C-alpha cells in the first residue's frame, strides 16, 4: 500500500509509525522533500506536519490530478516562437 492515497476529497496518509490520518485535500498547506534523495515527504495540514515514505511527485498527482511540478511543466511546454 502507498503511504498516501486519494479517497474522494480526502487523503488517507499513513506515517512512518503506521498511524493513519485522513486529511481533507483542501487542508493541505505544504509539501516538502525531507532530504536530497526525494523519497520521503513532509505533509503539513491544519498546523500538523506528517512525515510519509512517499515521494513529493507522487503526492502532487493525488492532490492536483493532471498538474506537474515546475521543472516538469516547463520542459513539456512548447518553446516561444519568437
N, C-alpha and C. Protein backbone atom coordinates (compact mmCIF):
# COMPACT_ATOMS: atom_id res chain seq x y z
N UNK A 1 0.84 -1.18 0.00
CA UNK A 1 0.00 0.00 0.00
C UNK A 1 0.88 1.25 0.00
N UNK A 2 0.50 2.24 -0.81
CA UNK A 2 1.20 3.51 -0.81
C UNK A 2 0.92 4.23 0.50
N UNK A 3 1.85 5.09 0.91
CA UNK A 3 1.69 5.83 2.16
C UNK A 3 0.57 6.86 2.07
N UNK A 4 0.29 7.35 0.85
CA UNK A 4 -0.75 8.35 0.64
C UNK A 4 -1.67 7.88 -0.48
N UNK A 5 -2.98 7.90 -0.22
CA UNK A 5 -3.97 7.53 -1.23
C UNK A 5 -5.08 8.56 -1.23
N UNK A 6 -5.66 8.79 -2.39
CA UNK A 6 -6.80 9.72 -2.51
C UNK A 6 -8.08 8.93 -2.28
N UNK A 7 -8.94 9.43 -1.39
CA UNK A 7 -10.24 8.83 -1.10
C UNK A 7 -11.27 9.94 -1.22
N UNK A 8 -11.86 10.11 -2.40
CA UNK A 8 -12.80 11.21 -2.62
C UNK A 8 -12.10 12.55 -2.46
N UNK A 9 -12.60 13.40 -1.57
CA UNK A 9 -11.99 14.70 -1.34
C UNK A 9 -11.01 14.67 -0.16
N UNK A 10 -10.57 13.48 0.21
CA UNK A 10 -9.63 13.31 1.33
C UNK A 10 -8.37 12.60 0.88
N UNK A 11 -7.31 12.77 1.66
CA UNK A 11 -6.09 11.99 1.51
C UNK A 11 -5.98 11.08 2.71
N UNK A 12 -5.81 9.80 2.48
CA UNK A 12 -5.52 8.87 3.57
C UNK A 12 -4.00 8.76 3.63
N UNK A 13 -3.44 9.15 4.75
CA UNK A 13 -1.99 9.22 4.92
C UNK A 13 -1.58 8.26 6.02
N UNK A 14 -0.55 7.44 5.73
CA UNK A 14 0.00 6.56 6.76
C UNK A 14 1.42 7.02 7.03
N UNK A 15 1.68 7.42 8.28
CA UNK A 15 3.00 7.95 8.61
C UNK A 15 4.00 6.81 8.85
N UNK A 16 5.24 7.18 9.20
CA UNK A 16 6.31 6.21 9.40
C UNK A 16 6.02 5.20 10.51
N UNK A 17 5.24 5.60 11.48
CA UNK A 17 4.93 4.73 12.61
C UNK A 17 3.72 3.85 12.35
N UNK A 18 3.10 3.99 11.19
CA UNK A 18 1.95 3.17 10.85
C UNK A 18 0.61 3.78 11.21
N UNK A 19 0.61 4.96 11.82
CA UNK A 19 -0.64 5.63 12.18
C UNK A 19 -1.28 6.21 10.91
N UNK A 20 -2.60 6.07 10.80
CA UNK A 20 -3.31 6.59 9.63
C UNK A 20 -3.97 7.92 9.97
N UNK A 21 -3.98 8.80 8.98
CA UNK A 21 -4.59 10.12 9.11
C UNK A 21 -5.46 10.34 7.88
N UNK A 22 -6.61 10.95 8.06
CA UNK A 22 -7.49 11.30 6.95
C UNK A 22 -7.55 12.82 6.88
N UNK A 23 -7.02 13.39 5.80
CA UNK A 23 -6.92 14.83 5.65
C UNK A 23 -7.76 15.30 4.48
N UNK A 24 -8.49 16.38 4.65
CA UNK A 24 -9.20 16.97 3.52
C UNK A 24 -8.14 17.57 2.58
N UNK A 25 -8.27 17.29 1.30
CA UNK A 25 -7.28 17.77 0.33
C UNK A 25 -7.10 19.27 0.43
N UNK A 26 -8.16 20.01 0.61
CA UNK A 26 -8.07 21.47 0.68
C UNK A 26 -7.38 21.95 1.96
N UNK A 27 -7.16 21.08 2.94
CA UNK A 27 -6.49 21.46 4.18
C UNK A 27 -4.97 21.36 4.07
N UNK A 28 -4.47 20.75 3.00
CA UNK A 28 -3.02 20.61 2.83
C UNK A 28 -2.42 21.99 2.57
N UNK A 29 -1.50 22.38 3.44
CA UNK A 29 -0.89 23.70 3.35
C UNK A 29 0.46 23.68 2.65
N UNK A 30 1.19 22.56 2.80
CA UNK A 30 2.53 22.50 2.21
C UNK A 30 2.98 21.05 2.04
N UNK A 31 3.81 20.84 1.02
CA UNK A 31 4.51 19.58 0.80
C UNK A 31 5.99 19.91 0.71
N UNK A 32 6.84 19.12 1.35
CA UNK A 32 8.28 19.38 1.32
C UNK A 32 9.04 18.07 1.25
N UNK A 33 10.11 18.04 0.43
CA UNK A 33 11.01 16.90 0.44
C UNK A 33 11.68 16.84 1.81
N UNK A 34 11.94 15.63 2.30
CA UNK A 34 12.61 15.51 3.59
C UNK A 34 14.12 15.52 3.46
N UNK A 35 14.63 15.12 2.27
CA UNK A 35 16.07 15.04 2.06
C UNK A 35 16.38 15.06 0.56
N UNK A 36 17.66 15.12 0.20
CA UNK A 36 18.02 15.17 -1.23
C UNK A 36 17.64 13.92 -2.03
N UNK A 37 17.40 12.80 -1.38
CA UNK A 37 17.01 11.58 -2.10
C UNK A 37 15.59 11.67 -2.66
N UNK A 38 14.80 12.56 -2.11
CA UNK A 38 13.42 12.81 -2.56
C UNK A 38 12.53 11.57 -2.51
N UNK A 39 12.74 10.74 -1.51
CA UNK A 39 11.90 9.55 -1.38
C UNK A 39 10.93 9.63 -0.21
N UNK A 40 10.98 10.71 0.54
CA UNK A 40 10.05 10.94 1.64
C UNK A 40 9.57 12.38 1.57
N UNK A 41 8.39 12.62 2.15
CA UNK A 41 7.78 13.95 2.06
C UNK A 41 7.19 14.35 3.41
N UNK A 42 7.32 15.63 3.74
CA UNK A 42 6.58 16.21 4.86
C UNK A 42 5.28 16.77 4.30
N UNK A 43 4.14 16.40 4.88
CA UNK A 43 2.85 16.98 4.53
C UNK A 43 2.40 17.82 5.71
N UNK A 44 2.14 19.10 5.47
CA UNK A 44 1.63 19.98 6.52
C UNK A 44 0.17 20.27 6.21
N UNK A 45 -0.67 19.95 7.18
CA UNK A 45 -2.11 20.19 7.05
C UNK A 45 -2.68 20.53 8.41
N UNK A 46 -3.48 21.57 8.45
CA UNK A 46 -4.13 22.01 9.69
C UNK A 46 -3.13 22.20 10.82
N UNK A 47 -1.96 22.74 10.49
CA UNK A 47 -0.96 23.05 11.50
C UNK A 47 -0.15 21.86 11.99
N UNK A 48 -0.34 20.69 11.40
CA UNK A 48 0.39 19.49 11.82
C UNK A 48 1.23 18.99 10.66
N UNK A 49 2.45 18.56 10.95
CA UNK A 49 3.34 18.04 9.91
C UNK A 49 3.50 16.54 10.08
N UNK A 50 3.30 15.82 8.97
CA UNK A 50 3.37 14.37 8.97
C UNK A 50 4.44 13.95 7.97
N UNK A 51 5.33 13.06 8.40
CA UNK A 51 6.39 12.54 7.51
C UNK A 51 5.92 11.22 6.92
N UNK A 52 5.94 11.13 5.58
CA UNK A 52 5.48 9.92 4.91
C UNK A 52 6.55 9.39 3.96
N UNK A 53 6.66 8.05 3.85
CA UNK A 53 7.66 7.45 2.97
C UNK A 53 7.18 7.33 1.52
N UNK A 54 6.87 8.48 0.91
CA UNK A 54 6.43 8.52 -0.49
C UNK A 54 6.94 9.82 -1.08
N UNK A 55 7.28 9.80 -2.37
CA UNK A 55 7.87 10.98 -2.99
C UNK A 55 6.86 12.12 -3.13
N UNK A 56 7.37 13.33 -3.12
CA UNK A 56 6.54 14.52 -3.31
C UNK A 56 5.85 14.48 -4.67
N UNK A 57 6.56 14.01 -5.70
CA UNK A 57 5.98 13.95 -7.05
C UNK A 57 4.73 13.08 -7.08
N UNK A 58 4.75 11.95 -6.39
CA UNK A 58 3.59 11.06 -6.36
C UNK A 58 2.42 11.69 -5.62
N UNK A 59 2.71 12.45 -4.57
CA UNK A 59 1.65 13.06 -3.76
C UNK A 59 1.00 14.23 -4.50
N UNK A 60 1.80 15.02 -5.24
CA UNK A 60 1.23 16.13 -6.01
C UNK A 60 0.17 15.62 -6.98
N UNK A 61 0.44 14.47 -7.60
CA UNK A 61 -0.53 13.88 -8.52
C UNK A 61 -1.84 13.51 -7.85
N UNK A 62 -1.80 13.22 -6.56
CA UNK A 62 -3.03 12.88 -5.82
C UNK A 62 -3.80 14.13 -5.41
N UNK A 63 -3.08 15.18 -5.08
CA UNK A 63 -3.73 16.41 -4.62
C UNK A 63 -4.32 17.19 -5.79
N UNK A 64 -3.55 17.29 -6.88
CA UNK A 64 -3.99 18.04 -8.05
C UNK A 64 -3.78 17.18 -9.29
N UNK A 65 -4.70 16.26 -9.57
CA UNK A 65 -4.54 15.38 -10.73
C UNK A 65 -4.33 16.16 -12.02
N UNK A 66 -3.37 15.72 -12.83
CA UNK A 66 -3.09 16.39 -14.10
C UNK A 66 -2.06 17.51 -13.99
N UNK A 67 -1.76 17.94 -12.78
CA UNK A 67 -0.77 19.01 -12.60
C UNK A 67 0.62 18.41 -12.48
N UNK A 68 1.63 19.22 -12.86
CA UNK A 68 3.02 18.79 -12.75
C UNK A 68 3.80 19.84 -11.99
N UNK A 69 4.94 19.43 -11.44
CA UNK A 69 5.81 20.37 -10.74
C UNK A 69 6.47 21.30 -11.74
N UNK A 70 6.97 22.44 -11.28
CA UNK A 70 7.52 23.49 -12.12
C UNK A 70 8.50 23.03 -13.18
N UNK A 71 9.54 22.28 -12.82
CA UNK A 71 10.55 21.86 -13.79
C UNK A 71 9.96 20.95 -14.85
N UNK A 72 9.08 20.05 -14.46
CA UNK A 72 8.45 19.14 -15.42
C UNK A 72 7.51 19.90 -16.35
N UNK A 73 6.75 20.84 -15.81
CA UNK A 73 5.79 21.60 -16.61
C UNK A 73 6.51 22.47 -17.64
N UNK A 74 7.61 23.10 -17.25
CA UNK A 74 8.35 23.97 -18.16
C UNK A 74 8.92 23.17 -19.33
N UNK A 75 9.41 21.96 -19.06
CA UNK A 75 10.02 21.14 -20.11
C UNK A 75 8.97 20.68 -21.11
N UNK A 76 7.74 20.49 -20.69
CA UNK A 76 6.68 19.98 -21.56
C UNK A 76 6.07 21.07 -22.44
N UNK A 77 6.21 22.34 -22.07
CA UNK A 77 5.61 23.44 -22.85
C UNK A 77 6.41 23.67 -24.13
N UNK A 78 5.70 24.10 -25.15
CA UNK A 78 6.35 24.42 -26.42
C UNK A 78 7.18 25.69 -26.26
N UNK A 79 8.33 25.77 -26.94
CA UNK A 79 9.14 26.98 -26.84
C UNK A 79 8.45 28.18 -27.47
N UNK A 80 8.78 29.35 -27.01
CA UNK A 80 8.23 30.59 -27.54
C UNK A 80 8.66 30.74 -28.99
N UNK A 81 7.73 31.01 -29.91
CA UNK A 81 8.08 31.01 -31.33
C UNK A 81 8.90 32.21 -31.79
N UNK A 82 9.08 33.24 -30.96
CA UNK A 82 9.81 34.43 -31.41
C UNK A 82 11.13 34.55 -30.74
